[in-house]
């Protein structure tokens, strides 16, 4: 359960397309984020999100993804470690933690 909004979100849906994220346009948001990271199917996933959510929400989603990518690159480039207190997120996503 997301504490700020009270929305139930299954974070495993980030890495497993067989799981419903439980959000409006969740699958389209996941597909767009994946496309932005991989560079594959970008036009197709962007257009699908525009159809599902509308152009304003799609533009906001692109901005959030872009900002996250920028911040992630900065943290990686400076060697900033992920705090141990956030290790549970890796477990929720089903990804391997690097120590």
Foldseek 3Di string as FASTA:
>chain_A
DDVPPPQDAQLLCLVDVVDDRRDQCRSLLSVCLVCVVVVPCNVVSLVVCCVRPNDVVSVVSVVVSVVVVVVVVVCVVVVPDDDPVCVVSCVSNVHDDDD
